[in-house]
Amino acid sequence: MPKISSLVNFIAKRNISLTAPREGKRNFRKFVIANKRGTRIHKQQQMGPNAQLEVDKRGVRDIGYQLNGRFVKVPEMIPEIIVPNLKDCDLNPYVSYKAEDVIQSEFTAQQLFDAVYSKKIVTDFKQGKLDADGQPLEPSVEEKLQPDEAIQRAKRTGSDIF
């Protein structure tokens, strides 16, 4: 009989487990739940007037700013969706996958200079409107600009920099 009692542990049995296999332990780095986790103290630190912890806004930008504990709404910060009127447009909104790819190199400084200034320089040279130093005798409005004025104009809203 001693042999049978030692083999009892190897017999297949059915077990019922009332606990979860991992006992409720989860890898929380795997599940991104912004602003949901944390204790009450943590959430109070986020929501107070002098917030000690940053609130994760998930990429949504504010439409104003806080001033003396009040939110000031700025109309210019509200995004607008501008949709053009395509009623009389003959083009279709679909581009076939069979269409050839357009490959364009980067726009270099030399190409920019050629596109903007070269025509004026060539015409001034041919018409003899350059002085001994190569400066134009009749400068255009852009040529009269001082460097600081040109920088201000370039940084203005609606310029091509942005």
N, C-alpha and C. Protein backbone atom coordinates (compact mmCIF):
# COMPACT_ATOMS: atom_id res chain seq x y z
N MET A 1 0.79 -1.22 0.00
CA MET A 1 0.00 0.00 0.00
C MET A 1 0.82 1.27 0.00
N PRO A 2 2.03 1.28 0.49
CA PRO A 2 2.76 2.53 0.50
C PRO A 2 3.01 3.06 -0.90
N LYS A 3 3.09 2.18 -1.93
CA LYS A 3 3.31 2.65 -3.29
C LYS A 3 2.10 3.40 -3.82
N ILE A 4 0.89 2.96 -3.48
CA ILE A 4 -0.32 3.61 -3.97
C ILE A 4 -0.47 5.00 -3.36
N SER A 5 -0.20 5.17 -2.11
CA SER A 5 -0.35 6.48 -1.49
C SER A 5 0.63 7.50 -2.07
N SER A 6 1.78 7.08 -2.52
CA SER A 6 2.73 8.02 -3.11
C SER A 6 2.32 8.40 -4.52
N LEU A 7 1.55 7.56 -5.23
CA LEU A 7 1.12 7.85 -6.59
C LEU A 7 -0.17 8.67 -6.64
N VAL A 8 -0.83 8.87 -5.52
CA VAL A 8 -2.09 9.62 -5.49
C VAL A 8 -1.88 11.06 -5.96
N ASN A 9 -0.76 11.65 -5.69
CA ASN A 9 -0.50 13.03 -6.08
C ASN A 9 -0.34 13.19 -7.59
N PHE A 10 -0.06 12.12 -8.32
CA PHE A 10 0.13 12.20 -9.77
C PHE A 10 -1.15 11.96 -10.56
N ILE A 11 -2.23 11.62 -9.91
CA ILE A 11 -3.51 11.38 -10.58
C ILE A 11 -4.11 12.73 -10.97
N ALA A 12 -4.63 12.81 -12.23
CA ALA A 12 -5.22 14.06 -12.71
C ALA A 12 -6.47 14.38 -11.91
N LYS A 13 -6.56 15.61 -11.46
CA LYS A 13 -7.70 16.04 -10.66
C LYS A 13 -8.30 17.29 -11.28
N ARG A 14 -9.55 17.56 -11.00
CA ARG A 14 -10.18 18.81 -11.41
C ARG A 14 -10.09 19.78 -10.26
N ASN A 15 -9.66 20.99 -10.60
CA ASN A 15 -9.58 22.02 -9.57
C ASN A 15 -10.46 23.20 -9.96
N ILE A 16 -11.02 23.85 -9.00
CA ILE A 16 -11.78 25.07 -9.22
C ILE A 16 -11.02 26.19 -8.52
N SER A 17 -10.62 27.19 -9.32
CA SER A 17 -9.89 28.32 -8.76
C SER A 17 -10.81 29.53 -8.72
N LEU A 18 -10.93 30.14 -7.58
CA LEU A 18 -11.80 31.30 -7.43
C LEU A 18 -11.05 32.62 -7.57
N THR A 19 -9.75 32.58 -7.78
CA THR A 19 -8.97 33.80 -7.95
C THR A 19 -8.52 33.92 -9.40
N ALA A 20 -8.28 35.14 -9.80
CA ALA A 20 -7.77 35.36 -11.16
C ALA A 20 -6.36 34.80 -11.26
N PRO A 21 -5.94 34.40 -12.44
CA PRO A 21 -4.60 33.80 -12.57
C PRO A 21 -3.49 34.73 -12.12
N ARG A 22 -3.65 36.04 -12.35
CA ARG A 22 -2.58 36.97 -11.99
C ARG A 22 -2.93 37.74 -10.73
N GLU A 23 -4.04 37.37 -10.09
CA GLU A 23 -4.48 37.99 -8.85
C GLU A 23 -4.63 39.50 -8.98
N GLY A 24 -5.16 39.96 -10.11
CA GLY A 24 -5.45 41.38 -10.31
C GLY A 24 -4.25 42.23 -10.65
N LYS A 25 -3.10 41.60 -10.84
CA LYS A 25 -1.90 42.39 -11.14
C LYS A 25 -1.83 42.62 -12.64
N ARG A 26 -1.73 43.87 -13.05
CA ARG A 26 -1.66 44.23 -14.46
C ARG A 26 -0.46 45.13 -14.69
N ASN A 27 0.05 45.11 -15.88
CA ASN A 27 1.13 46.01 -16.26
C ASN A 27 0.49 47.33 -16.71
N PHE A 28 0.45 48.33 -15.83
CA PHE A 28 -0.27 49.57 -16.13
C PHE A 28 0.44 50.43 -17.15
N ARG A 29 1.72 50.16 -17.42
CA ARG A 29 2.40 50.91 -18.48
C ARG A 29 1.84 50.52 -19.85
N LYS A 30 1.25 49.35 -19.92
CA LYS A 30 0.71 48.85 -21.17
C LYS A 30 -0.63 49.50 -21.51
N PHE A 31 -1.42 49.87 -20.52
CA PHE A 31 -2.73 50.46 -20.73
C PHE A 31 -2.65 51.95 -20.41
N VAL A 32 -2.66 52.78 -21.45
CA VAL A 32 -2.54 54.21 -21.24
C VAL A 32 -3.93 54.77 -20.95
N ILE A 33 -4.14 55.18 -19.72
CA ILE A 33 -5.41 55.78 -19.32
C ILE A 33 -5.07 57.13 -18.70
N ALA A 34 -5.06 58.16 -19.52
CA ALA A 34 -4.63 59.47 -19.06
C ALA A 34 -5.65 60.07 -18.11
N ASN A 35 -5.17 60.63 -17.03
CA ASN A 35 -5.96 61.35 -16.03
C ASN A 35 -7.01 60.49 -15.33
N LYS A 36 -6.95 59.18 -15.49
CA LYS A 36 -7.92 58.32 -14.82
C LYS A 36 -7.31 57.67 -13.58
N ARG A 37 -6.02 57.37 -13.64
CA ARG A 37 -5.39 56.72 -12.52
C ARG A 37 -4.93 57.75 -11.51
N GLY A 38 -4.82 57.34 -10.30
CA GLY A 38 -4.30 58.22 -9.26
C GLY A 38 -5.26 58.32 -8.09
N THR A 39 -4.74 58.71 -6.96
CA THR A 39 -5.56 58.83 -5.76
C THR A 39 -6.33 60.14 -5.79
N ARG A 40 -7.18 60.32 -4.81
CA ARG A 40 -7.94 61.58 -4.71
C ARG A 40 -7.01 62.76 -4.49
N ILE A 41 -5.98 62.55 -3.71
CA ILE A 41 -5.02 63.63 -3.45
C ILE A 41 -4.33 64.04 -4.74
N HIS A 42 -3.97 63.04 -5.55
CA HIS A 42 -3.33 63.31 -6.84
C HIS A 42 -4.25 64.14 -7.73
N LYS A 43 -5.53 63.79 -7.79
CA LYS A 43 -6.48 64.52 -8.63
C LYS A 43 -6.76 65.92 -8.08
N GLN A 44 -6.75 66.07 -6.76
CA GLN A 44 -6.93 67.41 -6.18
C GLN A 44 -5.75 68.30 -6.51
N GLN A 45 -4.56 67.73 -6.55
CA GLN A 45 -3.38 68.52 -6.91
C GLN A 45 -3.43 68.94 -8.37
N GLN A 46 -4.09 68.16 -9.22
CA GLN A 46 -4.24 68.53 -10.63
C GLN A 46 -5.29 69.62 -10.81
N MET A 47 -6.36 69.59 -10.03
CA MET A 47 -7.51 70.45 -10.28
C MET A 47 -7.54 71.74 -9.45
N GLY A 48 -6.64 71.90 -8.52
CA GLY A 48 -6.66 73.10 -7.69
C GLY A 48 -6.37 74.36 -8.47
N PRO A 49 -6.61 75.53 -7.87
CA PRO A 49 -6.32 76.78 -8.59
C PRO A 49 -4.83 76.94 -8.90
N ASN A 50 -3.98 76.48 -8.00
CA ASN A 50 -2.53 76.47 -8.25
C ASN A 50 -2.13 75.01 -8.48
N ALA A 51 -2.37 74.52 -9.67
CA ALA A 51 -2.15 73.11 -9.96
C ALA A 51 -0.68 72.75 -9.81
N GLN A 52 -0.42 71.74 -8.98
CA GLN A 52 0.95 71.30 -8.76
C GLN A 52 1.35 70.26 -9.79
N LEU A 53 0.38 69.55 -10.34
CA LEU A 53 0.66 68.51 -11.33
C LEU A 53 -0.01 68.88 -12.65
N GLU A 54 0.67 68.58 -13.72
CA GLU A 54 0.17 68.90 -15.06
C GLU A 54 -0.97 67.94 -15.44
N VAL A 55 -2.02 68.46 -16.06
CA VAL A 55 -3.11 67.65 -16.56
C VAL A 55 -2.77 67.26 -18.00
N ASP A 56 -2.83 65.97 -18.29
CA ASP A 56 -2.52 65.50 -19.64
C ASP A 56 -3.72 65.79 -20.53
N LYS A 57 -3.54 66.64 -21.53
CA LYS A 57 -4.65 67.06 -22.39
C LYS A 57 -4.72 66.26 -23.67
N ARG A 58 -3.83 65.27 -23.85
CA ARG A 58 -3.84 64.36 -24.98
C ARG A 58 -3.78 65.07 -26.32
N GLY A 59 -2.99 66.14 -26.42
CA GLY A 59 -2.77 66.82 -27.69
C GLY A 59 -3.76 67.93 -28.00
N VAL A 60 -4.75 68.17 -27.15
CA VAL A 60 -5.74 69.21 -27.40
C VAL A 60 -5.19 70.53 -26.86
N ARG A 61 -5.19 71.56 -27.69
CA ARG A 61 -4.65 72.85 -27.28
C ARG A 61 -5.73 73.69 -26.62
N ASP A 62 -5.30 74.52 -25.68
CA ASP A 62 -6.24 75.43 -25.02
C ASP A 62 -6.68 76.52 -25.98
N ILE A 63 -7.87 77.08 -25.73
CA ILE A 63 -8.36 78.19 -26.54
C ILE A 63 -8.28 79.49 -25.75
N GLY A 64 -7.46 79.51 -24.74
CA GLY A 64 -7.29 80.70 -23.92
C GLY A 64 -6.17 80.49 -22.92
N TYR A 65 -6.23 81.26 -21.83
CA TYR A 65 -5.20 81.16 -20.80
C TYR A 65 -5.81 81.52 -19.45
N GLN A 66 -5.11 81.12 -18.38
CA GLN A 66 -5.54 81.41 -17.02
C GLN A 66 -4.99 82.76 -16.58
N LEU A 67 -5.84 83.60 -16.00
CA LEU A 67 -5.41 84.89 -15.48
C LEU A 67 -6.14 85.13 -14.17
N ASN A 68 -5.39 85.20 -13.07
CA ASN A 68 -5.95 85.43 -11.74
C ASN A 68 -7.03 84.41 -11.39
N GLY A 69 -6.79 83.15 -11.73
CA GLY A 69 -7.73 82.09 -11.38
C GLY A 69 -8.93 81.98 -12.31
N ARG A 70 -9.01 82.81 -13.33
CA ARG A 70 -10.13 82.75 -14.28
C ARG A 70 -9.58 82.42 -15.66
N PHE A 71 -10.38 81.74 -16.45
CA PHE A 71 -9.98 81.36 -17.79
C PHE A 71 -10.41 82.44 -18.77
N VAL A 72 -9.44 82.98 -19.52
CA VAL A 72 -9.72 84.03 -20.51
C VAL A 72 -9.70 83.37 -21.88
N LYS A 73 -10.83 83.46 -22.58
CA LYS A 73 -10.97 82.85 -23.90
C LYS A 73 -10.48 83.82 -24.96
N VAL A 74 -9.59 83.35 -25.85
CA VAL A 74 -9.05 84.18 -26.93
C VAL A 74 -9.63 83.68 -28.25
N PRO A 75 -10.43 84.50 -28.95
CA PRO A 75 -11.07 84.03 -30.19
C PRO A 75 -10.07 83.62 -31.27
N GLU A 76 -8.88 84.25 -31.29
CA GLU A 76 -7.89 83.91 -32.31
C GLU A 76 -7.29 82.52 -32.10
N MET A 77 -7.41 81.98 -30.88
CA MET A 77 -6.84 80.67 -30.59
C MET A 77 -7.81 79.53 -30.90
N ILE A 78 -9.05 79.85 -31.26
CA ILE A 78 -10.03 78.83 -31.60
C ILE A 78 -9.77 78.39 -33.04
N PRO A 79 -9.52 77.11 -33.27
CA PRO A 79 -9.23 76.67 -34.64
C PRO A 79 -10.45 76.77 -35.54
N GLU A 80 -10.21 77.16 -36.79
CA GLU A 80 -11.28 77.25 -37.78
C GLU A 80 -11.01 76.23 -38.87
N ILE A 81 -12.06 75.61 -39.33
CA ILE A 81 -11.94 74.70 -40.47
C ILE A 81 -12.45 75.45 -41.68
N ILE A 82 -11.55 75.72 -42.62
CA ILE A 82 -11.91 76.47 -43.81
C ILE A 82 -12.02 75.48 -44.96
N VAL A 83 -13.21 75.40 -45.53
CA VAL A 83 -13.47 74.48 -46.63
C VAL A 83 -13.74 75.30 -47.88
N PRO A 84 -12.97 75.10 -48.94
CA PRO A 84 -13.20 75.88 -50.16
C PRO A 84 -14.46 75.42 -50.88
N ASN A 85 -15.06 76.33 -51.65
CA ASN A 85 -16.23 76.00 -52.43
C ASN A 85 -15.78 75.36 -53.74
N LEU A 86 -16.08 74.09 -53.92
CA LEU A 86 -15.65 73.35 -55.11
C LEU A 86 -16.83 73.06 -56.03
N LYS A 87 -17.83 73.94 -56.01
CA LYS A 87 -19.04 73.71 -56.78
C LYS A 87 -18.76 73.68 -58.29
N ASP A 88 -18.02 74.64 -58.80
CA ASP A 88 -17.75 74.73 -60.24
C ASP A 88 -16.39 74.13 -60.62
N CYS A 89 -15.80 73.35 -59.76
CA CYS A 89 -14.48 72.78 -60.03
C CYS A 89 -14.63 71.52 -60.89
N ASP A 90 -13.83 71.45 -61.94
CA ASP A 90 -13.90 70.30 -62.85
C ASP A 90 -13.07 69.12 -62.36
N LEU A 91 -12.20 69.33 -61.41
CA LEU A 91 -11.33 68.26 -60.93
C LEU A 91 -12.09 67.34 -59.98
N ASN A 92 -11.71 66.08 -60.01
CA ASN A 92 -12.31 65.10 -59.11
C ASN A 92 -11.47 65.01 -57.84
N PRO A 93 -12.09 64.71 -56.70
CA PRO A 93 -11.32 64.63 -55.46
C PRO A 93 -10.48 63.36 -55.35
N TYR A 94 -10.62 62.44 -56.29
CA TYR A 94 -9.92 61.16 -56.23
C TYR A 94 -8.70 61.19 -57.13
N VAL A 95 -7.58 60.71 -56.64
CA VAL A 95 -6.37 60.56 -57.45
C VAL A 95 -6.11 59.07 -57.57
N SER A 96 -6.02 58.59 -58.78
CA SER A 96 -5.83 57.17 -59.04
C SER A 96 -4.46 56.72 -58.55
N TYR A 97 -4.39 55.49 -58.08
CA TYR A 97 -3.11 54.93 -57.66
C TYR A 97 -2.21 54.66 -58.86
N LYS A 98 -2.79 54.64 -60.05
CA LYS A 98 -2.00 54.43 -61.27
C LYS A 98 -1.28 55.69 -61.70
N ALA A 99 -1.62 56.82 -61.10
CA ALA A 99 -0.97 58.08 -61.46
C ALA A 99 0.51 58.02 -61.09
N GLU A 100 1.32 58.66 -61.90
CA GLU A 100 2.76 58.64 -61.66
C GLU A 100 3.11 59.50 -60.44
N ASP A 101 4.09 59.05 -59.68
CA ASP A 101 4.55 59.80 -58.52
C ASP A 101 5.30 61.04 -58.98
N VAL A 102 5.06 62.14 -58.28
CA VAL A 102 5.76 63.39 -58.57
C VAL A 102 6.93 63.47 -57.59
N ILE A 103 8.13 63.47 -58.12
CA ILE A 103 9.32 63.55 -57.27
C ILE A 103 9.95 64.91 -57.50
N GLN A 104 10.05 65.68 -56.42
CA GLN A 104 10.58 67.04 -56.51
C GLN A 104 11.68 67.19 -55.48
N SER A 105 12.79 67.73 -55.90
CA SER A 105 13.91 67.91 -54.97
C SER A 105 13.62 69.09 -54.04
N GLU A 106 14.44 69.22 -53.01
CA GLU A 106 14.29 70.33 -52.07
C GLU A 106 14.55 71.66 -52.77
N PHE A 107 13.84 72.69 -52.31
CA PHE A 107 13.99 74.03 -52.87
C PHE A 107 15.22 74.65 -52.21
N THR A 108 16.29 74.80 -52.97
CA THR A 108 17.55 75.30 -52.42
C THR A 108 17.58 76.82 -52.42
N ALA A 109 18.58 77.38 -51.77
CA ALA A 109 18.74 78.83 -51.72
C ALA A 109 19.03 79.39 -53.11
N GLN A 110 19.78 78.64 -53.90
CA GLN A 110 20.08 79.08 -55.28
C GLN A 110 18.81 79.15 -56.11
N GLN A 111 17.94 78.15 -55.98
CA GLN A 111 16.68 78.15 -56.72
C GLN A 111 15.77 79.29 -56.26
N LEU A 112 15.76 79.57 -54.96
CA LEU A 112 14.97 80.69 -54.44
C LEU A 112 15.48 82.01 -54.99
N PHE A 113 16.79 82.19 -55.00
CA PHE A 113 17.38 83.41 -55.55
C PHE A 113 17.03 83.56 -57.03
N ASP A 114 17.14 82.46 -57.78
CA ASP A 114 16.81 82.51 -59.21
C ASP A 114 15.34 82.84 -59.44
N ALA A 115 14.46 82.31 -58.60
CA ALA A 115 13.03 82.55 -58.78
C ALA A 115 12.64 83.97 -58.44
N VAL A 116 13.30 84.59 -57.45
CA VAL A 116 12.87 85.90 -56.98
C VAL A 116 13.67 87.04 -57.61
N TYR A 117 14.99 86.96 -57.61
CA TYR A 117 15.83 88.11 -57.95
C TYR A 117 16.46 88.08 -59.34
N SER A 118 16.65 86.90 -59.92
CA SER A 118 17.47 86.82 -61.14
C SER A 118 16.89 87.61 -62.31
N LYS A 119 15.57 87.59 -62.50
CA LYS A 119 14.97 88.32 -63.62
C LYS A 119 15.24 89.82 -63.52
N LYS A 120 15.07 90.37 -62.31
CA LYS A 120 15.29 91.81 -62.11
C LYS A 120 16.75 92.17 -62.35
N ILE A 121 17.67 91.34 -61.87
CA ILE A 121 19.10 91.62 -62.04
C ILE A 121 19.48 91.57 -63.52
N VAL A 122 18.97 90.58 -64.25
CA VAL A 122 19.30 90.44 -65.67
C VAL A 122 18.75 91.62 -66.47
N THR A 123 17.49 92.01 -66.20
CA THR A 123 16.91 93.16 -66.94
C THR A 123 17.65 94.45 -66.61
N ASP A 124 18.01 94.66 -65.33
CA ASP A 124 18.76 95.86 -64.96
C ASP A 124 20.14 95.88 -65.64
N PHE A 125 20.78 94.72 -65.74
CA PHE A 125 22.09 94.64 -66.38
C PHE A 125 21.99 94.94 -67.88
N LYS A 126 20.98 94.37 -68.54
CA LYS A 126 20.83 94.58 -69.98
C LYS A 126 20.46 96.02 -70.32
N GLN A 127 19.68 96.67 -69.43
CA GLN A 127 19.25 98.04 -69.69
C GLN A 127 20.24 99.06 -69.14
N GLY A 128 21.30 98.62 -68.51
CA GLY A 128 22.32 99.52 -67.98
C GLY A 128 21.85 100.31 -66.77
N LYS A 129 21.01 99.70 -65.91
CA LYS A 129 20.48 100.39 -64.73
C LYS A 129 21.24 100.00 -63.46
N LEU A 130 22.48 99.55 -63.60
CA LEU A 130 23.31 99.23 -62.44
C LEU A 130 24.45 100.23 -62.35
N ASP A 131 24.81 100.61 -61.10
CA ASP A 131 25.94 101.53 -60.93
C ASP A 131 27.25 100.75 -60.93
N ALA A 132 28.35 101.42 -60.62
CA ALA A 132 29.67 100.80 -60.68
C ALA A 132 29.82 99.66 -59.66
N ASP A 133 29.10 99.75 -58.52
CA ASP A 133 29.18 98.71 -57.49
C ASP A 133 28.23 97.54 -57.77
N GLY A 134 27.40 97.65 -58.80
CA GLY A 134 26.44 96.59 -59.11
C GLY A 134 25.11 96.79 -58.42
N GLN A 135 24.91 97.93 -57.78
CA GLN A 135 23.64 98.23 -57.11
C GLN A 135 22.67 98.82 -58.13
N PRO A 136 21.35 98.55 -58.01
CA PRO A 136 20.39 99.08 -58.97
C PRO A 136 20.20 100.59 -58.79
N LEU A 137 20.06 101.29 -59.91
CA LEU A 137 19.78 102.73 -59.86
C LEU A 137 18.32 102.99 -59.51
N GLU A 138 17.43 102.08 -59.89
CA GLU A 138 16.01 102.18 -59.58
C GLU A 138 15.61 100.94 -58.78
N PRO A 139 15.86 100.90 -57.46
CA PRO A 139 15.56 99.69 -56.68
C PRO A 139 14.06 99.48 -56.51
N SER A 140 13.66 98.23 -56.45
CA SER A 140 12.26 97.90 -56.21
C SER A 140 11.96 98.07 -54.72
N VAL A 141 10.69 97.88 -54.35
CA VAL A 141 10.28 98.05 -52.95
C VAL A 141 11.01 97.04 -52.06
N GLU A 142 11.15 95.80 -52.52
CA GLU A 142 11.83 94.77 -51.73
C GLU A 142 13.32 95.07 -51.57
N GLU A 143 13.92 95.67 -52.59
CA GLU A 143 15.35 96.00 -52.52
C GLU A 143 15.62 97.18 -51.60
N LYS A 144 14.63 98.01 -51.35
CA LYS A 144 14.80 99.16 -50.46
C LYS A 144 14.68 98.78 -48.98
N LEU A 145 14.19 97.57 -48.69
CA LEU A 145 13.98 97.16 -47.30
C LEU A 145 15.29 97.04 -46.54
N GLN A 146 15.25 97.47 -45.29
CA GLN A 146 16.38 97.26 -44.38
C GLN A 146 16.28 95.84 -43.81
N PRO A 147 17.39 95.28 -43.31
CA PRO A 147 17.35 93.89 -42.81
C PRO A 147 16.32 93.67 -41.70
N ASP A 148 16.20 94.60 -40.74
CA ASP A 148 15.24 94.41 -39.65
C ASP A 148 13.81 94.48 -40.16
N GLU A 149 13.54 95.33 -41.17
CA GLU A 149 12.20 95.40 -41.75
C GLU A 149 11.87 94.10 -42.48
N ALA A 150 12.85 93.54 -43.17
CA ALA A 150 12.62 92.28 -43.90
C ALA A 150 12.33 91.14 -42.93
N ILE A 151 13.02 91.12 -41.79
CA ILE A 151 12.78 90.08 -40.79
C ILE A 151 11.38 90.23 -40.21
N GLN A 152 10.96 91.46 -39.90
CA GLN A 152 9.62 91.69 -39.37
C GLN A 152 8.56 91.26 -40.37
N ARG A 153 8.76 91.58 -41.64
CA ARG A 153 7.80 91.21 -42.68
C ARG A 153 7.74 89.69 -42.84
N ALA A 154 8.88 89.02 -42.69
CA ALA A 154 8.91 87.56 -42.83
C ALA A 154 8.22 86.88 -41.66
N LYS A 155 8.25 87.47 -40.48
CA LYS A 155 7.65 86.86 -39.30
C LYS A 155 6.17 87.18 -39.15
N ARG A 156 5.64 88.04 -40.01
CA ARG A 156 4.23 88.40 -39.93
C ARG A 156 3.33 87.21 -40.23
N THR A 157 2.11 87.27 -39.73
CA THR A 157 1.14 86.21 -40.00
C THR A 157 0.82 86.17 -41.49
N GLY A 158 0.80 84.98 -42.05
CA GLY A 158 0.49 84.80 -43.46
C GLY A 158 1.71 84.74 -44.35
N SER A 159 2.90 84.87 -43.78
CA SER A 159 4.11 84.79 -44.61
C SER A 159 4.38 83.32 -44.93
N ASP A 160 5.29 83.08 -45.85
CA ASP A 160 5.55 81.72 -46.31
C ASP A 160 6.44 80.93 -45.36
N ILE A 161 6.97 81.55 -44.32
CA ILE A 161 7.84 80.82 -43.39
C ILE A 161 7.05 79.74 -42.68
N PHE A 162 5.82 80.06 -42.32
CA PHE A 162 5.01 79.10 -41.57
C PHE A 162 4.24 78.28 -42.55
